[in-house]
Amino acid sequence: MTSEILIIYYKATDIKTNTNMKLARVLKELREQAGLDQDEIARKIGKSQGYYSQIDSGKNIPTQTSILKKLALILNVEYEYLRKLAEKDELERGKQDIIERAKSLGLEIGEQKGPKFPYRIPILNDIPADIPSDFTDYDFPPGVAEDYVDNYLKDFTTTDPSTYALRVGGDCMEPELKKGDIVLLSATKEWKSGDIVAVKWNDGEKKDLRKIIKQDDHIILQPENPKYTPIVLNSEHAPQIMGVVRMVIRIKR
């Protein structure tokens, strides 16, 4: 069974859109051959003209079965043909997004020009939704971790030696973080309220992955799963930030 690599981000970033996606070109050609304008197609599929213009330009890839089946009927083309085009375009856009977003994080992929000595990103631990109590911060010997991010994303490295990865093993941060997700953290990036961070407090006795929220003179360590209780700390007893989550890799099998 093939695996699909999904990249999930917590902060909005600009995505460079390829306006020459193959499905968009095919749909536009078929629409023009049928003598239909965007507004007519939009009304026939029950959407706005603005919605369809995004499809026509390639900025929006229609992957919903209902939309593709309506388009196939209107444009007199096989649904399966459109579905395969949409699937290929989604995969291509995913690759482009990985490259563009990796650049914004100072990460390197494949043949891109980068530093003379890029760092592999070690996956240090399997974690039960948090960081285990025996985690040894950042002194893990380079090159000897059991697993690395580039085992999943080929040639995926970083120029930041403080970047490391952890694997989620529980449900504390669901639905944002799911079991098996690989989270990439920067140990040197300053956190902002709303970030997901790796934290420790009580002299290292407690360690977690939580969303951190600054509220007046308190810090809230917020789980996403409602069955877990938020932890409220005075600012003077603020947790030590071990890393800010910058990227999440999800392997969908």
C-alpha atoms as a PDB file:
ATOM      1  CA  MET A   1       0.000   0.000   0.000  1.00  0.00           C
ATOM      2  CA  THR A   2       1.398   3.399  -0.970  1.00  0.00           C
ATOM      3  CA  SER A   3       1.815   6.174   1.567  1.00  0.00           C
ATOM      4  CA  GLU A   4       0.886   9.806   1.064  1.00  0.00           C
ATOM      5  CA  ILE A   5       2.942  12.471   2.805  1.00  0.00           C
ATOM      6  CA  LEU A   6       0.843  15.375   4.045  1.00  0.00           C
ATOM      7  CA  ILE A   7       2.381  18.601   5.320  1.00  0.00           C
ATOM      8  CA  ILE A   8       0.363  20.517   7.904  1.00  0.00           C
ATOM      9  CA  TYR A   9       1.132  24.037   9.112  1.00  0.00           C
ATOM     10  CA  TYR A  10      -0.230  25.941  12.073  1.00  0.00           C
ATOM     11  CA  LYS A  11       0.326  29.451  10.764  1.00  0.00           C
ATOM     12  CA  ALA A  12      -1.077  30.814   7.542  1.00  0.00           C
ATOM     13  CA  THR A  13       1.565  31.189   4.842  1.00  0.00           C
ATOM     14  CA  ASP A  14       1.394  32.407   1.282  1.00  0.00           C
ATOM     15  CA  ILE A  15       1.059  29.551  -1.154  1.00  0.00           C
ATOM     16  CA  LYS A  16       2.360  30.051  -4.659  1.00  0.00           C
ATOM     17  CA  THR A  17      -0.391  28.785  -6.928  1.00  0.00           C
ATOM     18  CA  ASN A  18       0.363  27.118 -10.230  1.00  0.00           C
ATOM     19  CA  THR A  19      -2.224  28.572 -12.586  1.00  0.00           C
ATOM     20  CA  ASN A  20      -1.334  26.060 -15.310  1.00  0.00           C
ATOM     21  CA  MET A  21      -2.721  22.948 -13.659  1.00  0.00           C
ATOM     22  CA  LYS A  22      -3.723  20.393 -16.270  1.00  0.00           C
ATOM     23  CA  LEU A  23      -7.313  19.968 -15.047  1.00  0.00           C
ATOM     24  CA  ALA A  24      -7.908  23.721 -15.246  1.00  0.00           C
ATOM     25  CA  ARG A  25      -6.687  23.801 -18.858  1.00  0.00           C
ATOM     26  CA  VAL A  26      -8.854  20.827 -19.837  1.00  0.00           C
ATOM     27  CA  LEU A  27     -11.974  22.259 -18.172  1.00  0.00           C
ATOM     28  CA  LYS A  28     -11.438  25.634 -19.790  1.00  0.00           C
ATOM     29  CA  GLU A  29     -11.011  24.081 -23.248  1.00  0.00           C
ATOM     30  CA  LEU A  30     -14.117  21.923 -22.820  1.00  0.00           C
ATOM     31  CA  ARG A  31     -16.129  24.881 -21.538  1.00  0.00           C
ATOM     32  CA  GLU A  32     -15.141  27.036 -24.507  1.00  0.00           C
ATOM     33  CA  GLN A  33     -15.885  24.196 -26.941  1.00  0.00           C
ATOM     34  CA  ALA A  34     -19.345  23.909 -25.415  1.00  0.00           C
ATOM     35  CA  GLY A  35     -19.869  27.660 -25.791  1.00  0.00           C
ATOM     36  CA  LEU A  36     -20.418  28.179 -22.052  1.00  0.00           C
ATOM     37  CA  ASP A  37     -19.108  30.993 -19.874  1.00  0.00           C
ATOM     38  CA  GLN A  38     -18.036  30.733 -16.237  1.00  0.00           C
ATOM     39  CA  ASP A  39     -21.364  31.989 -14.917  1.00  0.00           C
ATOM     40  CA  GLU A  40     -23.340  29.362 -16.848  1.00  0.00           C
ATOM     41  CA  ILE A  41     -21.123  26.526 -15.605  1.00  0.00           C
ATOM     42  CA  ALA A  42     -21.303  27.861 -12.038  1.00  0.00           C
ATOM     43  CA  ARG A  43     -25.112  27.934 -12.077  1.00  0.00           C
ATOM     44  CA  LYS A  44     -25.280  24.409 -13.467  1.00  0.00           C
ATOM     45  CA  ILE A  45     -23.113  23.017 -10.646  1.00  0.00           C
ATOM     46  CA  GLY A  46     -24.855  25.125  -8.002  1.00  0.00           C
ATOM     47  CA  LYS A  47     -21.911  27.385  -7.201  1.00  0.00           C
ATOM     48  CA  SER A  48     -21.086  31.072  -7.568  1.00  0.00           C
ATOM     49  CA  GLN A  49     -19.260  32.537 -10.550  1.00  0.00           C
ATOM     50  CA  GLY A  50     -16.420  33.514  -8.193  1.00  0.00           C
ATOM     51  CA  TYR A  51     -16.091  29.904  -7.067  1.00  0.00           C
ATOM     52  CA  TYR A  52     -15.878  28.620 -10.625  1.00  0.00           C
ATOM     53  CA  SER A  53     -13.422  31.308 -11.704  1.00  0.00           C
ATOM     54  CA  GLN A  54     -11.017  29.857  -9.131  1.00  0.00           C
ATOM     55  CA  ILE A  55     -11.369  26.464 -10.848  1.00  0.00           C
ATOM     56  CA  ASP A  56     -10.976  28.018 -14.296  1.00  0.00           C
ATOM     57  CA  SER A  57      -7.731  29.739 -13.269  1.00  0.00           C
ATOM     58  CA  GLY A  58      -6.284  26.683 -11.535  1.00  0.00           C
ATOM     59  CA  LYS A  59      -6.318  28.279  -8.077  1.00  0.00           C
ATOM     60  CA  ASN A  60      -8.919  25.797  -6.849  1.00  0.00           C
ATOM     61  CA  ILE A  61      -8.774  22.094  -7.733  1.00  0.00           C
ATOM     62  CA  PRO A  62     -12.257  20.530  -7.552  1.00  0.00           C
ATOM     63  CA  THR A  63     -11.814  17.164  -5.884  1.00  0.00           C
ATOM     64  CA  GLN A  64     -15.373  16.649  -4.604  1.00  0.00           C
ATOM     65  CA  THR A  65     -17.021  13.720  -6.377  1.00  0.00           C
ATOM     66  CA  SER A  66     -20.340  15.587  -6.710  1.00  0.00           C
ATOM     67  CA  ILE A  67     -18.727  18.593  -8.439  1.00  0.00           C
ATOM     68  CA  LEU A  68     -16.609  16.484 -10.788  1.00  0.00           C
ATOM     69  CA  LYS A  69     -19.597  14.343 -11.774  1.00  0.00           C
ATOM     70  CA  LYS A  70     -21.662  17.449 -12.558  1.00  0.00           C
ATOM     71  CA  LEU A  71     -18.830  18.898 -14.634  1.00  0.00           C
ATOM     72  CA  ALA A  72     -18.393  15.603 -16.491  1.00  0.00           C
ATOM     73  CA  LEU A  73     -22.091  15.545 -17.373  1.00  0.00           C
ATOM     74  CA  ILE A  74     -22.209  19.209 -18.430  1.00  0.00           C
ATOM     75  CA  LEU A  75     -19.034  19.014 -20.525  1.00  0.00           C
ATOM     76  CA  ASN A  76     -19.761  15.559 -21.973  1.00  0.00           C
ATOM     77  CA  VAL A  77     -16.602  13.926 -20.680  1.00  0.00           C
ATOM     78  CA  GLU A  78     -15.897  10.843 -18.544  1.00  0.00           C
ATOM     79  CA  TYR A  79     -15.985  11.487 -14.788  1.00  0.00           C
ATOM     80  CA  GLU A  80     -13.043   9.116 -14.228  1.00  0.00           C
ATOM     81  CA  TYR A  81     -10.923  11.175 -16.618  1.00  0.00           C
ATOM     82  CA  LEU A  82     -11.567  14.360 -14.633  1.00  0.00           C
ATOM     83  CA  ARG A  83     -11.027  12.554 -11.330  1.00  0.00           C
ATOM     84  CA  LYS A  84      -7.595  11.318 -12.388  1.00  0.00           C
ATOM     85  CA  LEU A  85      -6.602  14.784 -13.596  1.00  0.00           C
ATOM     86  CA  ALA A  86      -7.726  16.299 -10.283  1.00  0.00           C
ATOM     87  CA  GLU A  87      -5.781  13.670  -8.326  1.00  0.00           C
ATOM     88  CA  LYS A  88      -2.582  14.326 -10.293  1.00  0.00           C
ATOM     89  CA  ASP A  89      -2.946  18.093  -9.859  1.00  0.00           C
ATOM     90  CA  GLU A  90      -3.458  17.688  -6.107  1.00  0.00           C
ATOM     91  CA  LEU A  91      -0.271  15.634  -5.820  1.00  0.00           C
ATOM     92  CA  GLU A  92       1.685  18.163  -7.876  1.00  0.00           C
ATOM     93  CA  ARG A  93       0.393  21.073  -5.830  1.00  0.00           C
ATOM     94  CA  GLY A  94       1.307  19.209  -2.666  1.00  0.00           C
ATOM     95  CA  LYS A  95       4.897  18.883  -3.885  1.00  0.00           C
ATOM     96  CA  GLN A  96       5.038  22.581  -4.726  1.00  0.00           C
ATOM     97  CA  ASP A  97       3.616  23.526  -1.328  1.00  0.00           C
ATOM     98  CA  ILE A  98       6.232  21.421   0.440  1.00  0.00           C
ATOM     99  CA  ILE A  99       9.029  23.155  -1.453  1.00  0.00           C
ATOM    100  CA  GLU A 100       7.702  26.690  -0.962  1.00  0.00           C
ATOM    101  CA  ARG A 101       6.884  26.254   2.697  1.00  0.00           C
ATOM    102  CA  ALA A 102      10.153  24.500   3.415  1.00  0.00           C
ATOM    103  CA  LYS A 103      11.965  27.504   1.937  1.00  0.00           C
ATOM    104  CA  SER A 104      10.080  29.807   4.310  1.00  0.00           C
ATOM    105  CA  LEU A 105      11.265  27.685   7.261  1.00  0.00           C
ATOM    106  CA  GLY A 106      14.902  27.648   6.190  1.00  0.00           C
ATOM    107  CA  LEU A 107      14.652  23.998   5.218  1.00  0.00           C
ATOM    108  CA  GLU A 108      16.236  22.409   2.164  1.00  0.00           C
ATOM    109  CA  ILE A 109      14.844  19.843  -0.253  1.00  0.00           C
ATOM    110  CA  GLY A 110      16.669  17.881  -2.923  1.00  0.00           C
ATOM    111  CA  GLU A 111      18.849  19.806  -5.342  1.00  0.00           C
ATOM    112  CA  GLN A 112      18.146  23.292  -3.970  1.00  0.00           C
ATOM    113  CA  LYS A 113      21.186  25.410  -3.258  1.00  0.00           C
ATOM    114  CA  GLY A 114      21.834  25.331   0.439  1.00  0.00           C
ATOM    115  CA  PRO A 115      24.569  25.427   3.059  1.00  0.00           C
ATOM    116  CA  LYS A 116      27.732  23.443   2.598  1.00  0.00           C
ATOM    117  CA  PHE A 117      26.836  21.265   5.567  1.00  0.00           C
ATOM    118  CA  PRO A 118      23.035  20.921   5.916  1.00  0.00           C
ATOM    119  CA  TYR A 119      21.749  19.148   9.020  1.00  0.00           C
ATOM    120  CA  ARG A 120      19.615  16.033   8.955  1.00  0.00           C
ATOM    121  CA  ILE A 121      16.604  16.368  11.254  1.00  0.00           C
ATOM    122  CA  PRO A 122      16.525  13.571  13.862  1.00  0.00           C
ATOM    123  CA  ILE A 123      13.260  12.130  15.151  1.00  0.00           C
ATOM    124  CA  LEU A 124      14.247  11.748  18.768  1.00  0.00           C
ATOM    125  CA  ASN A 125      11.414   9.921  20.480  1.00  0.00           C
ATOM    126  CA  ASP A 126       8.083   8.226  20.136  1.00  0.00           C
ATOM    127  CA  ILE A 127       5.827  10.257  22.406  1.00  0.00           C
ATOM    128  CA  PRO A 128       2.485   9.556  24.142  1.00  0.00           C
ATOM    129  CA  ALA A 129       1.035  12.886  22.902  1.00  0.00           C
ATOM    130  CA  ASP A 130       3.730  14.594  24.939  1.00  0.00           C
ATOM    131  CA  ILE A 131       7.458  14.406  25.494  1.00  0.00           C
ATOM    132  CA  PRO A 132       8.560  11.491  27.698  1.00  0.00           C
ATOM    133  CA  SER A 133      10.198  12.242  31.024  1.00  0.00           C
ATOM    134  CA  ASP A 134      13.545  10.814  29.948  1.00  0.00           C
ATOM    135  CA  PHE A 135      13.931  13.214  27.017  1.00  0.00           C
ATOM    136  CA  THR A 136      17.460  14.665  27.124  1.00  0.00           C
ATOM    137  CA  ASP A 137      16.836  18.048  25.502  1.00  0.00           C
ATOM    138  CA  TYR A 138      19.279  18.876  22.704  1.00  0.00           C
ATOM    139  CA  ASP A 139      22.347  16.783  23.454  1.00  0.00           C
ATOM    140  CA  PHE A 140      21.401  13.914  21.143  1.00  0.00           C
ATOM    141  CA  PRO A 141      24.568  12.900  19.255  1.00  0.00           C
ATOM    142  CA  PRO A 142      24.334  13.972  15.585  1.00  0.00           C
ATOM    143  CA  GLY A 143      23.950  11.224  13.007  1.00  0.00           C
ATOM    144  CA  VAL A 144      22.959   8.394  15.318  1.00  0.00           C
ATOM    145  CA  ALA A 145      19.236   8.872  15.810  1.00  0.00           C
ATOM    146  CA  GLU A 146      17.041   5.851  15.086  1.00  0.00           C
ATOM    147  CA  ASP A 147      14.993   7.783  12.543  1.00  0.00           C
ATOM    148  CA  TYR A 148      15.261  10.943  10.448  1.00  0.00           C
ATOM    149  CA  VAL A 149      12.786  13.191   8.657  1.00  0.00           C
ATOM    150  CA  ASP A 150      14.560  12.646   5.326  1.00  0.00           C
ATOM    151  CA  ASN A 151      13.573   8.983   5.550  1.00  0.00           C
ATOM    152  CA  TYR A 152      10.049  10.225   4.738  1.00  0.00           C
ATOM    153  CA  LEU A 153      10.787  13.368   2.702  1.00  0.00           C
ATOM    154  CA  LYS A 154      13.779  12.650   0.511  1.00  0.00           C
ATOM    155  CA  ASP A 155      16.744  15.016   1.034  1.00  0.00           C
ATOM    156  CA  PHE A 156      14.781  17.104   3.540  1.00  0.00           C
ATOM    157  CA  THR A 157      17.347  18.877   5.733  1.00  0.00           C
ATOM    158  CA  THR A 158      17.749  22.152   7.605  1.00  0.00           C
ATOM    159  CA  THR A 159      20.284  24.939   8.068  1.00  0.00           C
ATOM    160  CA  ASP A 160      19.169  25.284  11.704  1.00  0.00           C
ATOM    161  CA  PRO A 161      20.976  22.805  13.980  1.00  0.00           C
ATOM    162  CA  SER A 162      18.379  23.428  16.698  1.00  0.00           C
ATOM    163  CA  THR A 163      15.635  21.824  14.581  1.00  0.00           C
ATOM    164  CA  TYR A 164      14.555  18.381  15.739  1.00  0.00           C
ATOM    165  CA  ALA A 165      11.466  16.208  15.442  1.00  0.00           C
ATOM    166  CA  LEU A 166       9.232  14.221  17.761  1.00  0.00           C
ATOM    167  CA  ARG A 167       6.538  11.666  17.005  1.00  0.00           C
ATOM    168  CA  VAL A 168       3.035  11.922  18.485  1.00  0.00           C
ATOM    169  CA  GLY A 169       1.808   8.811  20.244  1.00  0.00           C
ATOM    170  CA  GLY A 170      -1.472   9.878  21.888  1.00  0.00           C
ATOM    171  CA  ASP A 171      -4.577  11.993  21.505  1.00  0.00           C
ATOM    172  CA  CYS A 172      -3.973  15.026  23.745  1.00  0.00           C
ATOM    173  CA  MET A 173      -3.700  17.402  20.783  1.00  0.00           C
ATOM    174  CA  GLU A 174      -6.291  15.840  18.482  1.00  0.00           C
ATOM    175  CA  PRO A 175      -7.611  16.780  16.020  1.00  0.00           C
ATOM    176  CA  GLU A 176      -4.651  19.088  15.199  1.00  0.00           C
ATOM    177  CA  LEU A 177      -2.054  16.445  16.042  1.00  0.00           C
ATOM    178  CA  LYS A 178      -2.836  12.807  15.403  1.00  0.00           C
ATOM    179  CA  LYS A 179      -1.089   9.661  16.559  1.00  0.00           C
ATOM    180  CA  GLY A 180       1.929   9.017  14.345  1.00  0.00           C
ATOM    181  CA  ASP A 181       2.347  12.634  13.247  1.00  0.00           C
ATOM    182  CA  ILE A 182       5.937  13.862  13.108  1.00  0.00           C
ATOM    183  CA  VAL A 183       6.323  17.366  14.528  1.00  0.00           C
ATOM    184  CA  LEU A 184       9.322  19.522  13.616  1.00  0.00           C
ATOM    185  CA  LEU A 185      10.393  21.954  16.314  1.00  0.00           C
ATOM    186  CA  SER A 186      12.897  24.773  16.525  1.00  0.00           C
ATOM    187  CA  ALA A 187      14.618  24.997  19.883  1.00  0.00           C
ATOM    188  CA  THR A 188      15.662  28.621  19.283  1.00  0.00           C
ATOM    189  CA  LYS A 189      12.531  30.184  17.763  1.00  0.00           C
ATOM    190  CA  GLU A 190      10.686  32.531  20.152  1.00  0.00           C
ATOM    191  CA  TRP A 191       7.141  31.428  20.881  1.00  0.00           C
ATOM    192  CA  LYS A 192       4.034  33.537  20.452  1.00  0.00           C
ATOM    193  CA  SER A 193       0.647  33.099  22.076  1.00  0.00           C
ATOM    194  CA  GLY A 194      -1.221  30.452  20.106  1.00  0.00           C
ATOM    195  CA  ASP A 195       1.871  28.460  19.094  1.00  0.00           C
ATOM    196  CA  ILE A 196       2.107  24.742  19.731  1.00  0.00           C
ATOM    197  CA  VAL A 197       5.212  24.128  21.775  1.00  0.00           C
ATOM    198  CA  ALA A 198       7.147  21.433  23.573  1.00  0.00           C
ATOM    199  CA  VAL A 199       7.304  22.486  27.225  1.00  0.00           C
ATOM    200  CA  LYS A 200       8.576  21.269  30.553  1.00  0.00           C
ATOM    201  CA  TRP A 201       7.919  22.521  34.067  1.00  0.00           C
ATOM    202  CA  ASN A 202       8.153  21.350  37.675  1.00  0.00           C
ATOM    203  CA  ASP A 203      11.930  21.008  37.243  1.00  0.00           C
ATOM    204  CA  GLY A 204      11.442  18.833  34.204  1.00  0.00           C
ATOM    205  CA  GLU A 205       9.049  16.427  35.909  1.00  0.00           C
ATOM    206  CA  LYS A 206       6.250  17.401  33.530  1.00  0.00           C
ATOM    207  CA  LYS A 207       6.707  17.562  29.750  1.00  0.00           C
ATOM    208  CA  ASP A 208       4.087  18.058  27.078  1.00  0.00           C
ATOM    209  CA  LEU A 209       3.184  19.196  23.609  1.00  0.00           C
ATOM    210  CA  ARG A 210       0.494  21.842  24.095  1.00  0.00           C
ATOM    211  CA  LYS A 211      -0.801  25.074  22.634  1.00  0.00           C
ATOM    212  CA  ILE A 212       0.600  27.920  24.729  1.00  0.00           C
ATOM    213  CA  ILE A 213      -1.543  30.985  25.414  1.00  0.00           C
ATOM    214  CA  LYS A 214      -0.436  34.148  27.241  1.00  0.00           C
ATOM    215  CA  GLN A 215      -3.281  35.732  29.185  1.00  0.00           C
ATOM    216  CA  ASP A 216      -2.509  38.670  31.473  1.00  0.00           C
ATOM    217  CA  ASP A 217      -0.021  37.313  34.041  1.00  0.00           C
ATOM    218  CA  HIS A 218      -0.881  33.682  33.371  1.00  0.00           C
ATOM    219  CA  ILE A 219       0.223  31.108  30.842  1.00  0.00           C
ATOM    220  CA  ILE A 220      -2.267  28.490  29.699  1.00  0.00           C
ATOM    221  CA  LEU A 221      -1.121  25.149  28.303  1.00  0.00           C
ATOM    222  CA  GLN A 222      -4.141  24.239  26.202  1.00  0.00           C
ATOM    223  CA  PRO A 223      -4.898  20.749  24.866  1.00  0.00           C
ATOM    224  CA  GLU A 224      -7.001  20.438  21.715  1.00  0.00           C
ATOM    225  CA  ASN A 225      -8.796  17.311  22.878  1.00  0.00           C
ATOM    226  CA  PRO A 226     -11.678  18.399  25.184  1.00  0.00           C
ATOM    227  CA  LYS A 227     -11.261  15.360  27.409  1.00  0.00           C
ATOM    228  CA  TYR A 228      -8.001  16.870  28.722  1.00  0.00           C
ATOM    229  CA  THR A 229      -7.865  19.801  31.126  1.00  0.00           C
ATOM    230  CA  PRO A 230      -5.973  23.052  30.386  1.00  0.00           C
ATOM    231  CA  ILE A 231      -3.036  23.782  32.701  1.00  0.00           C
ATOM    232  CA  VAL A 232      -2.812  27.326  34.069  1.00  0.00           C
ATOM    233  CA  LEU A 233       0.510  28.624  35.406  1.00  0.00           C
ATOM    234  CA  ASN A 234       1.611  31.962  36.814  1.00  0.00           C
ATOM    235  CA  SER A 235       4.042  33.765  34.535  1.00  0.00           C
ATOM    236  CA  GLU A 236       6.695  33.539  37.257  1.00  0.00           C
ATOM    237  CA  HIS A 237       6.344  29.760  37.066  1.00  0.00           C
ATOM    238  CA  ALA A 238       6.295  29.709  33.270  1.00  0.00           C
ATOM    239  CA  PRO A 239       7.355  26.445  31.654  1.00  0.00           C
ATOM    240  CA  GLN A 240      10.648  26.074  29.858  1.00  0.00           C
ATOM    241  CA  ILE A 241      10.067  26.097  26.116  1.00  0.00           C
ATOM    242  CA  MET A 242      11.945  23.221  24.538  1.00  0.00           C
ATOM    243  CA  GLY A 243      10.820  23.983  21.004  1.00  0.00           C
ATOM    244  CA  VAL A 244       8.176  25.672  18.858  1.00  0.00           C
ATOM    245  CA  VAL A 245       6.324  23.489  16.366  1.00  0.00           C
ATOM    246  CA  ARG A 246       7.021  24.757  12.851  1.00  0.00           C
ATOM    247  CA  MET A 247       5.786  21.887  10.727  1.00  0.00           C
ATOM    248  CA  VAL A 248       3.822  18.674  11.050  1.00  0.00           C
ATOM    249  CA  ILE A 249       4.296  15.696   8.754  1.00  0.00           C
ATOM    250  CA  ARG A 250       1.424  13.255   8.508  1.00  0.00           C
ATOM    251  CA  ILE A 251       1.912   9.926   6.772  1.00  0.00           C
ATOM    252  CA  LYS A 252      -1.424   8.769   5.376  1.00  0.00           C
ATOM    253  CA  ARG A 253      -1.476   5.102   4.458  1.00  0.00           C
END
